[in-house]
């Protein structure tokens, strides 16, 4: 079953942004005042997309891989007392 073009575009966009975040200094992301520099923002978008995807499908696998990359980015960030979604 092919996945929706909109979901594919969204996943590609999220992947590109995760690539960009991986090149940004982790301290910059941790103290960012703009949501798009926080991995939690992209995680929330992936979770929203994931709710529409067929379990076990290619798109779901891509989303799962991207979430694992976000996990790694979050591990690299210094702890600032913020919760998982950057709220203080």
PDB file of N, CA and C in Angstrom:
ATOM      1  N   UNK A   1       0.845  -1.181   0.000  1.00  0.00           N
ATOM      2  CA  UNK A   1       0.000   0.000   0.000  1.00  0.00           C
ATOM      3  C   UNK A   1       0.889   1.243   0.000  1.00  0.00           C
ATOM      4  N   UNK A   2       0.660   2.128  -0.935  1.00  0.00           N
ATOM      5  CA  UNK A   2       1.446   3.364  -1.009  1.00  0.00           C
ATOM      6  C   UNK A   2       0.964   4.328   0.065  1.00  0.00           C
ATOM      7  N   UNK A   3       1.885   5.104   0.559  1.00  0.00           N
ATOM      8  CA  UNK A   3       1.491   6.070   1.565  1.00  0.00           C
ATOM      9  C   UNK A   3       1.145   7.379   0.902  1.00  0.00           C
ATOM     10  N   UNK A   4       0.398   8.161   1.599  1.00  0.00           N
ATOM     11  CA  UNK A   4      -0.119   9.421   1.111  1.00  0.00           C
ATOM     12  C   UNK A   4       1.012  10.378   0.744  1.00  0.00           C
ATOM     13  N   UNK A   5       0.857  11.079  -0.391  1.00  0.00           N
ATOM     14  CA  UNK A   5       1.878  12.032  -0.839  1.00  0.00           C
ATOM     15  C   UNK A   5       2.133  13.121   0.196  1.00  0.00           C
ATOM     16  N   UNK A   6       1.066  13.571   0.845  1.00  0.00           N
ATOM     17  CA  UNK A   6       1.221  14.617   1.863  1.00  0.00           C
ATOM     18  C   UNK A   6       2.066  14.116   3.036  1.00  0.00           C
ATOM     19  N   UNK A   7       1.811  12.893   3.477  1.00  0.00           N
ATOM     20  CA  UNK A   7       2.608  12.318   4.562  1.00  0.00           C
ATOM     21  C   UNK A   7       4.061  12.150   4.132  1.00  0.00           C
ATOM     22  N   UNK A   8       4.269  11.732   2.885  1.00  0.00           N
ATOM     23  CA  UNK A   8       5.634  11.571   2.380  1.00  0.00           C
ATOM     24  C   UNK A   8       6.362  12.911   2.362  1.00  0.00           C
ATOM     25  N   UNK A   9       5.705  13.946   1.872  1.00  0.00           N
ATOM     26  CA  UNK A   9       6.320  15.286   1.860  1.00  0.00           C
ATOM     27  C   UNK A   9       6.637  15.747   3.278  1.00  0.00           C
ATOM     28  N   UNK A  10       5.694  15.525   4.174  1.00  0.00           N
ATOM     29  CA  UNK A  10       5.889  15.935   5.564  1.00  0.00           C
ATOM     30  C   UNK A  10       7.070  15.194   6.193  1.00  0.00           C
ATOM     31  N   UNK A  11       7.157  13.889   5.958  1.00  0.00           N
ATOM     32  CA  UNK A  11       8.274  13.110   6.511  1.00  0.00           C
ATOM     33  C   UNK A  11       9.605  13.565   5.918  1.00  0.00           C
ATOM     34  N   UNK A  12       9.626  13.879   4.639  1.00  0.00           N
ATOM     35  CA  UNK A  12      10.867  14.378   4.021  1.00  0.00           C
ATOM     36  C   UNK A  12      11.265  15.726   4.613  1.00  0.00           C
ATOM     37  N   UNK A  13      10.273  16.568   4.855  1.00  0.00           N
ATOM     38  CA  UNK A  13      10.551  17.869   5.467  1.00  0.00           C
ATOM     39  C   UNK A  13      11.112  17.687   6.880  1.00  0.00           C
ATOM     40  N   UNK A  14      10.472  16.840   7.663  1.00  0.00           N
ATOM     41  CA  UNK A  14      10.941  16.586   9.027  1.00  0.00           C
ATOM     42  C   UNK A  14      12.349  16.000   8.985  1.00  0.00           C
ATOM     43  N   UNK A  15      12.601  15.083   8.064  1.00  0.00           N
ATOM     44  CA  UNK A  15      13.935  14.492   7.941  1.00  0.00           C
ATOM     45  C   UNK A  15      14.981  15.558   7.615  1.00  0.00           C
ATOM     46  N   UNK A  16      14.652  16.468   6.707  1.00  0.00           N
ATOM     47  CA  UNK A  16      15.581  17.547   6.361  1.00  0.00           C
ATOM     48  C   UNK A  16      15.856  18.436   7.570  1.00  0.00           C
ATOM     49  N   UNK A  17      14.842  18.702   8.355  1.00  0.00           N
ATOM     50  CA  UNK A  17      15.032  19.547   9.533  1.00  0.00           C
ATOM     51  C   UNK A  17      15.845  18.831  10.604  1.00  0.00           C
ATOM     52  N   UNK A  18      15.656  17.534  10.750  1.00  0.00           N
ATOM     53  CA  UNK A  18      16.463  16.771  11.704  1.00  0.00           C
ATOM     54  C   UNK A  18      17.914  16.761  11.245  1.00  0.00           C
ATOM     55  N   UNK A  19      18.136  16.639   9.930  1.00  0.00           N
ATOM     56  CA  UNK A  19      19.500  16.734   9.391  1.00  0.00           C
ATOM     57  C   UNK A  19      20.116  18.082   9.758  1.00  0.00           C
ATOM     58  N   UNK A  20      19.341  19.151   9.584  1.00  0.00           N
ATOM     59  CA  UNK A  20      19.837  20.492   9.912  1.00  0.00           C
ATOM     60  C   UNK A  20      20.112  20.619  11.412  1.00  0.00           C
ATOM     61  N   UNK A  21      19.210  20.110  12.241  1.00  0.00           N
ATOM     62  CA  UNK A  21      19.409  20.174  13.691  1.00  0.00           C
ATOM     63  C   UNK A  21      20.661  19.421  14.123  1.00  0.00           C
ATOM     64  N   UNK A  22      20.968  18.342  13.429  1.00  0.00           N
ATOM     65  CA  UNK A  22      22.144  17.552  13.808  1.00  0.00           C
ATOM     66  C   UNK A  22      23.436  18.316  13.549  1.00  0.00           C
ATOM     67  N   UNK A  23      23.352  19.355  12.728  1.00  0.00           N
ATOM     68  CA  UNK A  23      24.543  20.172  12.449  1.00  0.00           C
ATOM     69  C   UNK A  23      24.617  21.421  13.329  1.00  0.00           C
ATOM     70  N   UNK A  24      23.582  21.663  14.119  1.00  0.00           N
ATOM     71  CA  UNK A  24      23.547  22.829  15.004  1.00  0.00           C
ATOM     72  C   UNK A  24      24.121  22.429  16.354  1.00  0.00           C
ATOM     73  N   UNK A  25      24.841  23.338  16.977  1.00  0.00           N
ATOM     74  CA  UNK A  25      25.392  23.092  18.312  1.00  0.00           C
ATOM     75  C   UNK A  25      24.248  22.738  19.263  1.00  0.00           C
ATOM     76  N   UNK A  26      24.394  21.639  19.979  1.00  0.00           N
ATOM     77  CA  UNK A  26      23.341  21.158  20.886  1.00  0.00           C
ATOM     78  C   UNK A  26      22.955  22.204  21.922  1.00  0.00           C
ATOM     79  N   UNK A  27      23.910  23.029  22.364  1.00  0.00           N
ATOM     80  CA  UNK A  27      23.585  24.069  23.357  1.00  0.00           C
ATOM     81  C   UNK A  27      22.659  25.111  22.763  1.00  0.00           C
ATOM     82  N   UNK A  28      22.804  25.382  21.452  1.00  0.00           N
ATOM     83  CA  UNK A  28      21.913  26.329  20.794  1.00  0.00           C
ATOM     84  C   UNK A  28      20.479  25.815  20.797  1.00  0.00           C
ATOM     85  N   UNK A  29      20.321  24.534  20.512  1.00  0.00           N
ATOM     86  CA  UNK A  29      18.975  23.939  20.492  1.00  0.00           C
ATOM     87  C   UNK A  29      18.346  23.960  21.878  1.00  0.00           C
ATOM     88  N   UNK A  30      19.150  23.669  22.892  1.00  0.00           N
ATOM     89  CA  UNK A  30      18.626  23.594  24.258  1.00  0.00           C
ATOM     90  C   UNK A  30      18.137  24.946  24.757  1.00  0.00           C
ATOM     91  N   UNK A  31      18.743  26.023  24.284  1.00  0.00           N
ATOM     92  CA  UNK A  31      18.367  27.357  24.758  1.00  0.00           C
ATOM     93  C   UNK A  31      17.547  28.126  23.730  1.00  0.00           C
ATOM     94  N   UNK A  32      17.144  27.469  22.670  1.00  0.00           N
ATOM     95  CA  UNK A  32      16.412  28.137  21.593  1.00  0.00           C
ATOM     96  C   UNK A  32      15.075  28.680  22.084  1.00  0.00           C
ATOM     97  N   UNK A  33      14.748  29.861  21.601  1.00  0.00           N
ATOM     98  CA  UNK A  33      13.445  30.438  21.919  1.00  0.00           C
ATOM     99  C   UNK A  33      12.443  30.138  20.812  1.00  0.00           C
ATOM    100  N   UNK A  34      12.912  29.605  19.710  1.00  0.00           N
ATOM    101  CA  UNK A  34      12.023  29.227  18.616  1.00  0.00           C
ATOM    102  C   UNK A  34      11.820  27.709  18.628  1.00  0.00           C
ATOM    103  N   UNK A  35      10.595  27.291  18.496  1.00  0.00           N
ATOM    104  CA  UNK A  35      10.251  25.871  18.629  1.00  0.00           C
ATOM    105  C   UNK A  35      10.939  24.983  17.603  1.00  0.00           C
ATOM    106  N   UNK A  36      11.181  25.495  16.402  1.00  0.00           N
ATOM    107  CA  UNK A  36      11.723  24.630  15.352  1.00  0.00           C
ATOM    108  C   UNK A  36      13.151  24.182  15.617  1.00  0.00           C
ATOM    109  N   UNK A  37      13.824  24.781  16.577  1.00  0.00           N
ATOM    110  CA  UNK A  37      15.167  24.332  16.942  1.00  0.00           C
ATOM    111  C   UNK A  37      15.137  23.292  18.054  1.00  0.00           C
ATOM    112  N   UNK A  38      13.965  22.974  18.537  1.00  0.00           N
ATOM    113  CA  UNK A  38      13.836  21.982  19.610  1.00  0.00           C
ATOM    114  C   UNK A  38      13.380  20.640  19.030  1.00  0.00           C
ATOM    115  N   UNK A  39      14.108  19.575  19.325  1.00  0.00           N
ATOM    116  CA  UNK A  39      13.698  18.252  18.844  1.00  0.00           C
ATOM    117  C   UNK A  39      12.260  17.890  19.236  1.00  0.00           C
ATOM    118  N   UNK A  40      11.797  18.375  20.367  1.00  0.00           N
ATOM    119  CA  UNK A  40      10.438  18.054  20.820  1.00  0.00           C
ATOM    120  C   UNK A  40       9.379  18.544  19.826  1.00  0.00           C
ATOM    121  N   UNK A  41       9.643  19.662  19.173  1.00  0.00           N
ATOM    122  CA  UNK A  41       8.708  20.177  18.170  1.00  0.00           C
ATOM    123  C   UNK A  41       8.548  19.170  17.032  1.00  0.00           C
ATOM    124  N   UNK A  42       9.671  18.645  16.554  1.00  0.00           N
ATOM    125  CA  UNK A  42       9.653  17.696  15.442  1.00  0.00           C
ATOM    126  C   UNK A  42       9.100  16.348  15.888  1.00  0.00           C
ATOM    127  N   UNK A  43       9.338  15.983  17.134  1.00  0.00           N
ATOM    128  CA  UNK A  43       8.767  14.741  17.671  1.00  0.00           C
ATOM    129  C   UNK A  43       7.230  14.834  17.660  1.00  0.00           C
ATOM    130  N   UNK A  44       6.701  15.966  18.078  1.00  0.00           N
ATOM    131  CA  UNK A  44       5.245  16.141  18.097  1.00  0.00           C
ATOM    132  C   UNK A  44       4.669  16.040  16.683  1.00  0.00           C
ATOM    133  N   UNK A  45       5.368  16.612  15.716  1.00  0.00           N
ATOM    134  CA  UNK A  45       4.903  16.509  14.326  1.00  0.00           C
ATOM    135  C   UNK A  45       4.943  15.067  13.846  1.00  0.00           C
ATOM    136  N   UNK A  46       6.024  14.359  14.189  1.00  0.00           N
ATOM    137  CA  UNK A  46       6.121  12.951  13.794  1.00  0.00           C
ATOM    138  C   UNK A  46       5.024  12.115  14.445  1.00  0.00           C
ATOM    139  N   UNK A  47       4.725  12.403  15.698  1.00  0.00           N
ATOM    140  CA  UNK A  47       3.668  11.657  16.385  1.00  0.00           C
ATOM    141  C   UNK A  47       2.313  11.917  15.732  1.00  0.00           C
ATOM    142  N   UNK A  48       2.088  13.157  15.286  1.00  0.00           N
ATOM    143  CA  UNK A  48       0.835  13.480  14.596  1.00  0.00           C
ATOM    144  C   UNK A  48       0.747  12.738  13.262  1.00  0.00           C
ATOM    145  N   UNK A  49       1.846  12.705  12.529  1.00  0.00           N
ATOM    146  CA  UNK A  49       1.879  11.973  11.262  1.00  0.00           C
ATOM    147  C   UNK A  49       1.699  10.480  11.528  1.00  0.00           C
ATOM    148  N   UNK A  50       2.400   9.986  12.538  1.00  0.00           N
ATOM    149  CA  UNK A  50       2.354   8.563  12.858  1.00  0.00           C
ATOM    150  C   UNK A  50       0.954   8.059  13.138  1.00  0.00           C
ATOM    151  N   UNK A  51       0.124   8.926  13.682  1.00  0.00           N
ATOM    152  CA  UNK A  51      -1.251   8.540  13.956  1.00  0.00           C
ATOM    153  C   UNK A  51      -2.055   8.244  12.699  1.00  0.00           C
ATOM    154  N   UNK A  52      -1.583   8.733  11.562  1.00  0.00           N
ATOM    155  CA  UNK A  52      -2.281   8.513  10.292  1.00  0.00           C
ATOM    156  C   UNK A  52      -1.701   7.353   9.487  1.00  0.00           C
ATOM    157  N   UNK A  53      -0.561   6.834   9.902  1.00  0.00           N
ATOM    158  CA  UNK A  53       0.143   5.839   9.094  1.00  0.00           C
ATOM    159  C   UNK A  53      -0.262   4.418   9.436  1.00  0.00           C
ATOM    160  N   UNK A  54      -0.160   3.553   8.447  1.00  0.00           N
ATOM    161  CA  UNK A  54      -0.439   2.128   8.630  1.00  0.00           C
ATOM    162  C   UNK A  54       0.732   1.507   9.376  1.00  0.00           C
ATOM    163  N   UNK A  55       0.449   0.852  10.491  1.00  0.00           N
ATOM    164  CA  UNK A  55       1.496   0.209  11.294  1.00  0.00           C
ATOM    165  C   UNK A  55       2.250  -0.799  10.439  1.00  0.00           C
ATOM    166  N   UNK A  56       3.567  -0.772  10.544  1.00  0.00           N
ATOM    167  CA  UNK A  56       4.399  -1.712   9.807  1.00  0.00           C
ATOM    168  C   UNK A  56       4.673  -1.309   8.374  1.00  0.00           C
ATOM    169  N   UNK A  57       4.050  -0.244   7.905  1.00  0.00           N
ATOM    170  CA  UNK A  57       4.282   0.226   6.540  1.00  0.00           C
ATOM    171  C   UNK A  57       5.594   0.989   6.424  1.00  0.00           C
ATOM    172  N   UNK A  58       5.956   1.284   5.196  1.00  0.00           N
ATOM    173  CA  UNK A  58       7.222   1.982   4.939  1.00  0.00           C
ATOM    174  C   UNK A  58       7.269   3.351   5.624  1.00  0.00           C
ATOM    175  N   UNK A  59       6.194   4.110   5.523  1.00  0.00           N
ATOM    176  CA  UNK A  59       6.165   5.436   6.138  1.00  0.00           C
ATOM    177  C   UNK A  59       6.288   5.339   7.652  1.00  0.00           C
ATOM    178  N   UNK A  60       5.636   4.350   8.248  1.00  0.00           N
ATOM    179  CA  UNK A  60       5.729   4.168   9.700  1.00  0.00           C
ATOM    180  C   UNK A  60       7.158   3.824  10.098  1.00  0.00           C
ATOM    181  N   UNK A  61       7.833   3.045   9.264  1.00  0.00           N
ATOM    182  CA  UNK A  61       9.232   2.696   9.529  1.00  0.00           C
ATOM    183  C   UNK A  61      10.114   3.933   9.446  1.00  0.00           C
ATOM    184  N   UNK A  62       9.875   4.779   8.443  1.00  0.00           N
ATOM    185  CA  UNK A  62      10.634   6.027   8.305  1.00  0.00           C
ATOM    186  C   UNK A  62      10.393   6.905   9.526  1.00  0.00           C
ATOM    187  N   UNK A  63       9.145   7.040   9.946  1.00  0.00           N
ATOM    188  CA  UNK A  63       8.825   7.864  11.114  1.00  0.00           C
ATOM    189  C   UNK A  63       9.526   7.333  12.361  1.00  0.00           C
ATOM    190  N   UNK A  64       9.541   6.030  12.528  1.00  0.00           N
ATOM    191  CA  UNK A  64      10.200   5.418  13.691  1.00  0.00           C
ATOM    192  C   UNK A  64      11.704   5.704  13.676  1.00  0.00           C
ATOM    193  N   UNK A  65      12.309   5.629  12.502  1.00  0.00           N
ATOM    194  CA  UNK A  65      13.737   5.933  12.360  1.00  0.00           C
ATOM    195  C   UNK A  65      14.013   7.393  12.706  1.00  0.00           C
ATOM    196  N   UNK A  66      13.145   8.284  12.263  1.00  0.00           N
ATOM    197  CA  UNK A  66      13.326   9.707  12.562  1.00  0.00           C
ATOM    198  C   UNK A  66      13.169   9.981  14.056  1.00  0.00           C
ATOM    199  N   UNK A  67      12.253   9.296  14.702  1.00  0.00           N
ATOM    200  CA  UNK A  67      12.093   9.457  16.152  1.00  0.00           C
ATOM    201  C   UNK A  67      13.356   8.992  16.870  1.00  0.00           C
ATOM    202  N   UNK A  68      13.964   7.918  16.399  1.00  0.00           N
ATOM    203  CA  UNK A  68      15.220   7.448  16.999  1.00  0.00           C
ATOM    204  C   UNK A  68      16.319   8.495  16.830  1.00  0.00           C
ATOM    205  N   UNK A  69      16.346   9.167  15.696  1.00  0.00           N
ATOM    206  CA  UNK A  69      17.339  10.231  15.488  1.00  0.00           C
ATOM    207  C   UNK A  69      17.080  11.399  16.439  1.00  0.00           C
ATOM    208  N   UNK A  70      15.807  11.716  16.663  1.00  0.00           N
ATOM    209  CA  UNK A  70      15.479  12.775  17.621  1.00  0.00           C
ATOM    210  C   UNK A  70      15.897  12.380  19.030  1.00  0.00           C
ATOM    211  N   UNK A  71      15.703  11.114  19.382  1.00  0.00           N
ATOM    212  CA  UNK A  71      16.150  10.628  20.694  1.00  0.00           C
ATOM    213  C   UNK A  71      17.640  10.900  20.868  1.00  0.00           C
ATOM    214  N   UNK A  72      18.410  10.605  19.839  1.00  0.00           N
ATOM    215  CA  UNK A  72      19.863  10.827  19.896  1.00  0.00           C
ATOM    216  C   UNK A  72      20.186  12.317  20.030  1.00  0.00           C
ATOM    217  N   UNK A  73      19.493  13.158  19.283  1.00  0.00           N
ATOM    218  CA  UNK A  73      19.714  14.606  19.402  1.00  0.00           C
ATOM    219  C   UNK A  73      19.407  15.089  20.815  1.00  0.00           C
ATOM    220  N   UNK A  74      18.334  14.593  21.401  1.00  0.00           N
ATOM    221  CA  UNK A  74      17.970  15.012  22.751  1.00  0.00           C
ATOM    222  C   UNK A  74      18.986  14.535  23.777  1.00  0.00           C
ATOM    223  N   UNK A  75      19.559  13.368  23.568  1.00  0.00           N
ATOM    224  CA  UNK A  75      20.605  12.884  24.485  1.00  0.00           C
ATOM    225  C   UNK A  75      21.844  13.768  24.433  1.00  0.00           C
ATOM    226  N   UNK A  76      22.114  14.365  23.292  1.00  0.00           N
ATOM    227  CA  UNK A  76      23.287  15.232  23.141  1.00  0.00           C
ATOM    228  C   UNK A  76      23.096  16.599  23.786  1.00  0.00           C
ATOM    229  N   UNK A  77      21.850  16.992  24.024  1.00  0.00           N
ATOM    230  CA  UNK A  77      21.579  18.318  24.574  1.00  0.00           C
ATOM    231  C   UNK A  77      21.883  18.367  26.059  1.00  0.00           C
ATOM    232  N   UNK A  78      22.465  19.495  26.492  1.00  0.00           N
ATOM    233  CA  UNK A  78      22.682  19.655  27.935  1.00  0.00           C
ATOM    234  C   UNK A  78      21.339  19.792  28.636  1.00  0.00           C
ATOM    235  N   UNK A  79      21.253  19.269  29.842  1.00  0.00           N
ATOM    236  CA  UNK A  79      20.017  19.357  30.608  1.00  0.00           C
ATOM    237  C   UNK A  79      19.836  20.777  31.117  1.00  0.00           C
ATOM    238  N   UNK A  80      18.649  21.347  30.874  1.00  0.00           N
ATOM    239  CA  UNK A  80      18.369  22.708  31.346  1.00  0.00           C
ATOM    240  C   UNK A  80      17.167  22.738  32.270  1.00  0.00           C
ATOM    241  N   UNK A  81      16.736  21.557  32.708  1.00  0.00           N
ATOM    242  CA  UNK A  81      15.580  21.493  33.587  1.00  0.00           C
ATOM    243  C   UNK A  81      14.262  21.477  32.846  1.00  0.00           C
ATOM    244  N   UNK A  82      14.314  21.579  31.514  1.00  0.00           N
ATOM    245  CA  UNK A  82      13.084  21.556  30.736  1.00  0.00           C
ATOM    246  C   UNK A  82      12.582  20.129  30.625  1.00  0.00           C
ATOM    247  N   UNK A  83      11.299  19.994  30.478  1.00  0.00           N
ATOM    248  CA  UNK A  83      10.709  18.674  30.300  1.00  0.00           C
ATOM    249  C   UNK A  83      10.927  18.166  28.889  1.00  0.00           C
ATOM    250  N   UNK A  84      10.332  17.038  28.605  1.00  0.00           N
ATOM    251  CA  UNK A  84      10.503  16.399  27.299  1.00  0.00           C
ATOM    252  C   UNK A  84      10.108  17.322  26.153  1.00  0.00           C
ATOM    253  N   UNK A  85       9.099  18.140  26.348  1.00  0.00           N
ATOM    254  CA  UNK A  85       8.621  19.005  25.283  1.00  0.00           C
ATOM    255  C   UNK A  85       9.096  20.444  25.433  1.00  0.00           C
ATOM    256  N   UNK A  86      10.156  20.638  26.204  1.00  0.00           N
ATOM    257  CA  UNK A  86      10.766  21.952  26.300  1.00  0.00           C
ATOM    258  C   UNK A  86      10.044  22.924  27.201  1.00  0.00           C
ATOM    259  N   UNK A  87       9.062  22.462  27.952  1.00  0.00           N
ATOM    260  CA  UNK A  87       8.333  23.357  28.853  1.00  0.00           C
ATOM    261  C   UNK A  87       9.069  23.452  30.174  1.00  0.00           C
ATOM    262  N   UNK A  88       9.033  24.606  30.745  1.00  0.00           N
ATOM    263  CA  UNK A  88       9.678  24.818  32.048  1.00  0.00           C
ATOM    264  C   UNK A  88       8.653  25.119  33.094  1.00  0.00           C
TER     265      UNK A  88
END
